[in-house]
Amino acid sequence: MVKRPVVASAKLDDGSILSLMQRSKCYEIPIVDYDGTILGLKSIDSLISVQQPTQVVIMAGGRGERLLP
């Protein structure tokens, strides 16, 4: 059991939450209000908006003899 979990206040901005993630080496951090009620979850993927281009290679050809009965 984790007695002192890493949580972020709802008042924190995304930059502060990201630095908290880096310091605590957590990839997801729950967002809580003043009473400790969970309001949501922030993941590192949602905070870092680096989009990788999708690369696809389609190799097609031949007579399809391998698929014959």
PDB file of N, CA and C in Angstrom:
ATOM      1  N   MET A   1       0.836  -1.169   0.000  1.00  0.00           N
ATOM      2  CA  MET A   1       0.000   0.000   0.000  1.00  0.00           C
ATOM      3  C   MET A   1       0.883   1.235   0.000  1.00  0.00           C
ATOM      4  N   VAL A   2       0.538   2.193  -0.808  1.00  0.00           N
ATOM      5  CA  VAL A   2       1.256   3.463  -0.848  1.00  0.00           C
ATOM      6  C   VAL A   2       0.569   4.405   0.133  1.00  0.00           C
ATOM      7  N   LYS A   3       1.298   4.775   1.179  1.00  0.00           N
ATOM      8  CA  LYS A   3       0.696   5.631   2.202  1.00  0.00           C
ATOM      9  C   LYS A   3       0.590   7.083   1.756  1.00  0.00           C
ATOM     10  N   ARG A   4       1.520   7.540   0.899  1.00  0.00           N
ATOM     11  CA  ARG A   4       1.493   8.920   0.415  1.00  0.00           C
ATOM     12  C   ARG A   4       1.564   8.920  -1.112  1.00  0.00           C
ATOM     13  N   PRO A   5       0.435   8.712  -1.775  1.00  0.00           N
ATOM     14  CA  PRO A   5       0.453   8.650  -3.237  1.00  0.00           C
ATOM     15  C   PRO A   5       0.745  10.027  -3.844  1.00  0.00           C
ATOM     16  N   VAL A   6       1.270  10.003  -5.050  1.00  0.00           N
ATOM     17  CA  VAL A   6       1.537  11.246  -5.778  1.00  0.00           C
ATOM     18  C   VAL A   6       0.247  11.669  -6.459  1.00  0.00           C
ATOM     19  N   VAL A   7      -0.252  12.831  -6.094  1.00  0.00           N
ATOM     20  CA  VAL A   7      -1.470  13.387  -6.682  1.00  0.00           C
ATOM     21  C   VAL A   7      -1.211  14.840  -7.033  1.00  0.00           C
ATOM     22  N   ALA A   8      -2.052  15.367  -7.920  1.00  0.00           N
ATOM     23  CA  ALA A   8      -1.943  16.772  -8.317  1.00  0.00           C
ATOM     24  C   ALA A   8      -3.244  17.486  -7.978  1.00  0.00           C
ATOM     25  N   SER A   9      -3.102  18.717  -7.566  1.00  0.00           N
ATOM     26  CA  SER A   9      -4.264  19.542  -7.268  1.00  0.00           C
ATOM     27  C   SER A   9      -4.930  19.973  -8.570  1.00  0.00           C
ATOM     28  N   ALA A  10      -6.219  20.192  -8.512  1.00  0.00           N
ATOM     29  CA  ALA A  10      -6.959  20.653  -9.691  1.00  0.00           C
ATOM     30  C   ALA A  10      -6.533  22.060 -10.095  1.00  0.00           C
ATOM     31  N   LYS A  11      -5.875  22.786  -9.195  1.00  0.00           N
ATOM     32  CA  LYS A  11      -5.443  24.154  -9.474  1.00  0.00           C
ATOM     33  C   LYS A  11      -4.169  24.215 -10.313  1.00  0.00           C
ATOM     34  N   LEU A  12      -3.412  23.111 -10.393  1.00  0.00           N
ATOM     35  CA  LEU A  12      -2.137  23.118 -11.114  1.00  0.00           C
ATOM     36  C   LEU A  12      -2.351  23.155 -12.615  1.00  0.00           C
ATOM     37  N   ASP A  13      -1.455  23.854 -13.313  1.00  0.00           N
ATOM     38  CA  ASP A  13      -1.512  23.866 -14.769  1.00  0.00           C
ATOM     39  C   ASP A  13      -0.754  22.660 -15.323  1.00  0.00           C
ATOM     40  N   ASP A  14      -0.854  22.455 -16.631  1.00  0.00           N
ATOM     41  CA  ASP A  14      -0.249  21.272 -17.256  1.00  0.00           C
ATOM     42  C   ASP A  14       1.266  21.241 -17.116  1.00  0.00           C
ATOM     43  N   GLY A  15       1.923  22.392 -17.174  1.00  0.00           N
ATOM     44  CA  GLY A  15       3.370  22.435 -17.017  1.00  0.00           C
ATOM     45  C   GLY A  15       3.823  21.986 -15.640  1.00  0.00           C
ATOM     46  N   SER A  16       3.094  22.389 -14.628  1.00  0.00           N
ATOM     47  CA  SER A  16       3.425  21.976 -13.263  1.00  0.00           C
ATOM     48  C   SER A  16       3.182  20.483 -13.057  1.00  0.00           C
ATOM     49  N   ILE A  17       2.117  19.978 -13.646  1.00  0.00           N
ATOM     50  CA  ILE A  17       1.829  18.543 -13.539  1.00  0.00           C
ATOM     51  C   ILE A  17       2.906  17.738 -14.255  1.00  0.00           C
ATOM     52  N   LEU A  18       3.356  18.222 -15.405  1.00  0.00           N
ATOM     53  CA  LEU A  18       4.409  17.533 -16.141  1.00  0.00           C
ATOM     54  C   LEU A  18       5.711  17.503 -15.363  1.00  0.00           C
ATOM     55  N   SER A  19       6.071  18.603 -14.717  1.00  0.00           N
ATOM     56  CA  SER A  19       7.291  18.605 -13.906  1.00  0.00           C
ATOM     57  C   SER A  19       7.148  17.695 -12.681  1.00  0.00           C
ATOM     58  N   LEU A  20       5.944  17.612 -12.116  1.00  0.00           N
ATOM     59  CA  LEU A  20       5.696  16.685 -11.013  1.00  0.00           C
ATOM     60  C   LEU A  20       5.862  15.240 -11.477  1.00  0.00           C
ATOM     61  N   MET A  21       5.400  14.943 -12.683  1.00  0.00           N
ATOM     62  CA  MET A  21       5.573  13.605 -13.248  1.00  0.00           C
ATOM     63  C   MET A  21       7.051  13.273 -13.430  1.00  0.00           C
ATOM     64  N   GLN A  22       7.819  14.243 -13.896  1.00  0.00           N
ATOM     65  CA  GLN A  22       9.245  14.010 -14.112  1.00  0.00           C
ATOM     66  C   GLN A  22       9.977  13.805 -12.789  1.00  0.00           C
ATOM     67  N   ARG A  23       9.633  14.589 -11.782  1.00  0.00           N
ATOM     68  CA  ARG A  23      10.289  14.452 -10.474  1.00  0.00           C
ATOM     69  C   ARG A  23       9.954  13.128  -9.803  1.00  0.00           C
ATOM     70  N   SER A  24       8.695  12.701  -9.915  1.00  0.00           N
ATOM     71  CA  SER A  24       8.266  11.488  -9.227  1.00  0.00           C
ATOM     72  C   SER A  24       8.363  10.234 -10.096  1.00  0.00           C
ATOM     73  N   LYS A  25       8.739  10.416 -11.363  1.00  0.00           N
ATOM     74  CA  LYS A  25       8.879   9.306 -12.322  1.00  0.00           C
ATOM     75  C   LYS A  25       7.573   8.520 -12.451  1.00  0.00           C
ATOM     76  N   CYS A  26       6.462   9.261 -12.524  1.00  0.00           N
ATOM     77  CA  CYS A  26       5.140   8.675 -12.721  1.00  0.00           C
ATOM     78  C   CYS A  26       4.644   9.039 -14.115  1.00  0.00           C
ATOM     79  N   TYR A  27       3.936   8.116 -14.758  1.00  0.00           N
ATOM     80  CA  TYR A  27       3.393   8.381 -16.084  1.00  0.00           C
ATOM     81  C   TYR A  27       1.936   8.811 -16.039  1.00  0.00           C
ATOM     82  N   GLU A  28       1.269   8.516 -14.952  1.00  0.00           N
ATOM     83  CA  GLU A  28      -0.102   8.967 -14.735  1.00  0.00           C
ATOM     84  C   GLU A  28      -0.227   9.519 -13.323  1.00  0.00           C
ATOM     85  N   ILE A  29      -0.968  10.612 -13.195  1.00  0.00           N
ATOM     86  CA  ILE A  29      -1.172  11.229 -11.882  1.00  0.00           C
ATOM     87  C   ILE A  29      -2.652  11.578 -11.747  1.00  0.00           C
ATOM     88  N   PRO A  30      -3.280  11.138 -10.644  1.00  0.00           N
ATOM     89  CA  PRO A  30      -4.675  11.511 -10.427  1.00  0.00           C
ATOM     90  C   PRO A  30      -4.794  12.990 -10.039  1.00  0.00           C
ATOM     91  N   ILE A  31      -5.850  13.613 -10.521  1.00  0.00           N
ATOM     92  CA  ILE A  31      -6.158  15.003 -10.191  1.00  0.00           C
ATOM     93  C   ILE A  31      -7.210  14.974  -9.088  1.00  0.00           C
ATOM     94  N   VAL A  32      -6.930  15.660  -7.981  1.00  0.00           N
ATOM     95  CA  VAL A  32      -7.838  15.636  -6.835  1.00  0.00           C
ATOM     96  C   VAL A  32      -8.239  17.060  -6.452  1.00  0.00           C
ATOM     97  N   ASP A  33      -9.390  17.166  -5.786  1.00  0.00           N
ATOM     98  CA  ASP A  33      -9.832  18.463  -5.277  1.00  0.00           C
ATOM     99  C   ASP A  33      -9.334  18.647  -3.844  1.00  0.00           C
ATOM    100  N   TYR A  34      -9.827  19.667  -3.182  1.00  0.00           N
ATOM    101  CA  TYR A  34      -9.382  20.012  -1.829  1.00  0.00           C
ATOM    102  C   TYR A  34      -9.635  18.883  -0.829  1.00  0.00           C
ATOM    103  N   ASP A  35     -10.755  18.151  -1.015  1.00  0.00           N
ATOM    104  CA  ASP A  35     -11.119  17.063  -0.093  1.00  0.00           C
ATOM    105  C   ASP A  35     -10.417  15.745  -0.409  1.00  0.00           C
ATOM    106  N   GLY A  36      -9.689  15.689  -1.517  1.00  0.00           N
ATOM    107  CA  GLY A  36      -9.019  14.458  -1.906  1.00  0.00           C
ATOM    108  C   GLY A  36      -9.851  13.577  -2.819  1.00  0.00           C
ATOM    109  N   THR A  37     -10.967  14.104  -3.295  1.00  0.00           N
ATOM    110  CA  THR A  37     -11.811  13.361  -4.222  1.00  0.00           C
ATOM    111  C   THR A  37     -11.178  13.390  -5.606  1.00  0.00           C
ATOM    112  N   ILE A  38     -11.102  12.241  -6.243  1.00  0.00           N
ATOM    113  CA  ILE A  38     -10.482  12.157  -7.564  1.00  0.00           C
ATOM    114  C   ILE A  38     -11.406  12.774  -8.605  1.00  0.00           C
ATOM    115  N   LEU A  39     -10.850  13.732  -9.358  1.00  0.00           N
ATOM    116  CA  LEU A  39     -11.606  14.410 -10.398  1.00  0.00           C
ATOM    117  C   LEU A  39     -11.269  13.884 -11.789  1.00  0.00           C
ATOM    118  N   GLY A  40     -10.071  13.349 -11.935  1.00  0.00           N
ATOM    119  CA  GLY A  40      -9.651  12.862 -13.242  1.00  0.00           C
ATOM    120  C   GLY A  40      -8.254  12.276 -13.168  1.00  0.00           C
ATOM    121  N   LEU A  41      -7.706  12.000 -14.326  1.00  0.00           N
ATOM    122  CA  LEU A  41      -6.383  11.408 -14.423  1.00  0.00           C
ATOM    123  C   LEU A  41      -5.648  12.063 -15.574  1.00  0.00           C
ATOM    124  N   LYS A  42      -4.426  12.504 -15.335  1.00  0.00           N
ATOM    125  CA  LYS A  42      -3.586  13.077 -16.385  1.00  0.00           C
ATOM    126  C   LYS A  42      -2.494  12.074 -16.707  1.00  0.00           C
ATOM    127  N   SER A  43      -2.298  11.812 -17.978  1.00  0.00           N
ATOM    128  CA  SER A  43      -1.218  10.929 -18.394  1.00  0.00           C
ATOM    129  C   SER A  43      -0.169  11.755 -19.125  1.00  0.00           C
ATOM    130  N   ILE A  44       1.035  11.233 -19.160  1.00  0.00           N
ATOM    131  CA  ILE A  44       2.125  11.959 -19.801  1.00  0.00           C
ATOM    132  C   ILE A  44       1.874  12.089 -21.295  1.00  0.00           C
ATOM    133  N   ASP A  45       1.171  11.112 -21.883  1.00  0.00           N
ATOM    134  CA  ASP A  45       0.862  11.181 -23.313  1.00  0.00           C
ATOM    135  C   ASP A  45      -0.073  12.340 -23.639  1.00  0.00           C
ATOM    136  N   SER A  46      -0.977  12.652 -22.728  1.00  0.00           N
ATOM    137  CA  SER A  46      -1.903  13.756 -22.983  1.00  0.00           C
ATOM    138  C   SER A  46      -1.238  15.116 -22.787  1.00  0.00           C
ATOM    139  N   LEU A  47      -0.140  15.165 -22.041  1.00  0.00           N
ATOM    140  CA  LEU A  47       0.543  16.430 -21.790  1.00  0.00           C
ATOM    141  C   LEU A  47       1.643  16.731 -22.808  1.00  0.00           C
ATOM    142  N   ILE A  48       2.239  15.689 -23.345  1.00  0.00           N
ATOM    143  CA  ILE A  48       3.275  15.882 -24.366  1.00  0.00           C
ATOM    144  C   ILE A  48       2.613  15.685 -25.713  1.00  0.00           C
ATOM    145  N   SER A  49       2.558  16.741 -26.486  1.00  0.00           N
ATOM    146  CA  SER A  49       1.823  16.690 -27.751  1.00  0.00           C
ATOM    147  C   SER A  49       2.761  16.548 -28.941  1.00  0.00           C
ATOM    148  N   VAL A  50       3.742  15.670 -28.825  1.00  0.00           N
ATOM    149  CA  VAL A  50       4.634  15.417 -29.942  1.00  0.00           C
ATOM    150  C   VAL A  50       3.985  14.346 -30.807  1.00  0.00           C
ATOM    151  N   GLN A  51       3.607  14.731 -31.994  1.00  0.00           N
ATOM    152  CA  GLN A  51       2.964  13.792 -32.898  1.00  0.00           C
ATOM    153  C   GLN A  51       4.008  13.156 -33.799  1.00  0.00           C
ATOM    154  N   GLN A  52       4.060  11.852 -33.794  1.00  0.00           N
ATOM    155  CA  GLN A  52       4.959  11.113 -34.669  1.00  0.00           C
ATOM    156  C   GLN A  52       4.235  10.869 -35.986  1.00  0.00           C
ATOM    157  N   PRO A  53       4.901  11.109 -37.105  1.00  0.00           N
ATOM    158  CA  PRO A  53       4.244  10.817 -38.379  1.00  0.00           C
ATOM    159  C   PRO A  53       4.060   9.308 -38.546  1.00  0.00           C
ATOM    160  N   THR A  54       2.939   8.946 -39.075  1.00  0.00           N
ATOM    161  CA  THR A  54       2.642   7.541 -39.284  1.00  0.00           C
ATOM    162  C   THR A  54       3.259   7.099 -40.599  1.00  0.00           C
ATOM    163  N   GLN A  55       4.060   6.065 -40.533  1.00  0.00           N
ATOM    164  CA  GLN A  55       4.677   5.528 -41.733  1.00  0.00           C
ATOM    165  C   GLN A  55       4.136   4.135 -41.969  1.00  0.00           C
ATOM    166  N   VAL A  56       3.684   3.907 -43.180  1.00  0.00           N
ATOM    167  CA  VAL A  56       3.099   2.625 -43.521  1.00  0.00           C
ATOM    168  C   VAL A  56       3.771   2.114 -44.790  1.00  0.00           C
ATOM    169  N   VAL A  57       4.117   0.845 -44.799  1.00  0.00           N
ATOM    170  CA  VAL A  57       4.655   0.195 -45.987  1.00  0.00           C
ATOM    171  C   VAL A  57       3.723  -0.951 -46.336  1.00  0.00           C
ATOM    172  N   ILE A  58       3.179  -0.912 -47.536  1.00  0.00           N
ATOM    173  CA  ILE A  58       2.314  -1.994 -48.011  1.00  0.00           C
ATOM    174  C   ILE A  58       3.061  -2.715 -49.118  1.00  0.00           C
ATOM    175  N   MET A  59       3.298  -3.985 -48.867  1.00  0.00           N
ATOM    176  CA  MET A  59       3.979  -4.793 -49.870  1.00  0.00           C
ATOM    177  C   MET A  59       2.948  -5.754 -50.450  1.00  0.00           C
ATOM    178  N   ALA A  60       2.662  -5.592 -51.707  1.00  0.00           N
ATOM    179  CA  ALA A  60       1.665  -6.440 -52.364  1.00  0.00           C
ATOM    180  C   ALA A  60       2.206  -6.869 -53.721  1.00  0.00           C
ATOM    181  N   GLY A  61       1.776  -7.995 -54.161  1.00  0.00           N
ATOM    182  CA  GLY A  61       2.195  -8.481 -55.470  1.00  0.00           C
ATOM    183  C   GLY A  61       2.179  -9.989 -55.524  1.00  0.00           C
ATOM    184  N   GLY A  62       2.477 -10.501 -56.653  1.00  0.00           N
ATOM    185  CA  GLY A  62       2.504 -11.951 -56.831  1.00  0.00           C
ATOM    186  C   GLY A  62       1.178 -12.464 -57.351  1.00  0.00           C
ATOM    187  N   ARG A  63       1.096 -13.773 -57.522  1.00  0.00           N
ATOM    188  CA  ARG A  63      -0.096 -14.402 -58.085  1.00  0.00           C
ATOM    189  C   ARG A  63      -1.012 -14.977 -57.015  1.00  0.00           C
ATOM    190  N   GLY A  64      -0.627 -14.978 -55.792  1.00  0.00           N
ATOM    191  CA  GLY A  64      -1.478 -15.500 -54.728  1.00  0.00           C
ATOM    192  C   GLY A  64      -1.511 -17.009 -54.664  1.00  0.00           C
ATOM    193  N   GLU A  65      -0.505 -17.660 -55.176  1.00  0.00           N
ATOM    194  CA  GLU A  65      -0.487 -19.121 -55.186  1.00  0.00           C
ATOM    195  C   GLU A  65      -0.399 -19.719 -53.791  1.00  0.00           C
ATOM    196  N   ARG A  66       0.163 -19.014 -52.876  1.00  0.00           N
ATOM    197  CA  ARG A  66       0.303 -19.518 -51.523  1.00  0.00           C
ATOM    198  C   ARG A  66      -1.043 -19.726 -50.858  1.00  0.00           C
ATOM    199  N   LEU A  67      -2.044 -18.975 -51.280  1.00  0.00           N
ATOM    200  CA  LEU A  67      -3.360 -19.041 -50.651  1.00  0.00           C
ATOM    201  C   LEU A  67      -4.292 -20.062 -51.310  1.00  0.00           C
ATOM    202  N   LEU A  68      -3.840 -20.693 -52.387  1.00  0.00           N
ATOM    203  CA  LEU A  68      -4.686 -21.682 -53.038  1.00  0.00           C
ATOM    204  C   LEU A  68      -4.854 -22.916 -52.146  1.00  0.00           C
ATOM    205  N   PRO A  69      -5.977 -23.625 -52.282  1.00  0.00           N
ATOM    206  CA  PRO A  69      -6.195 -24.807 -51.432  1.00  0.00           C
ATOM    207  C   PRO A  69      -5.168 -25.913 -51.653  1.00  0.00           C
TER     208      PRO A  69
END
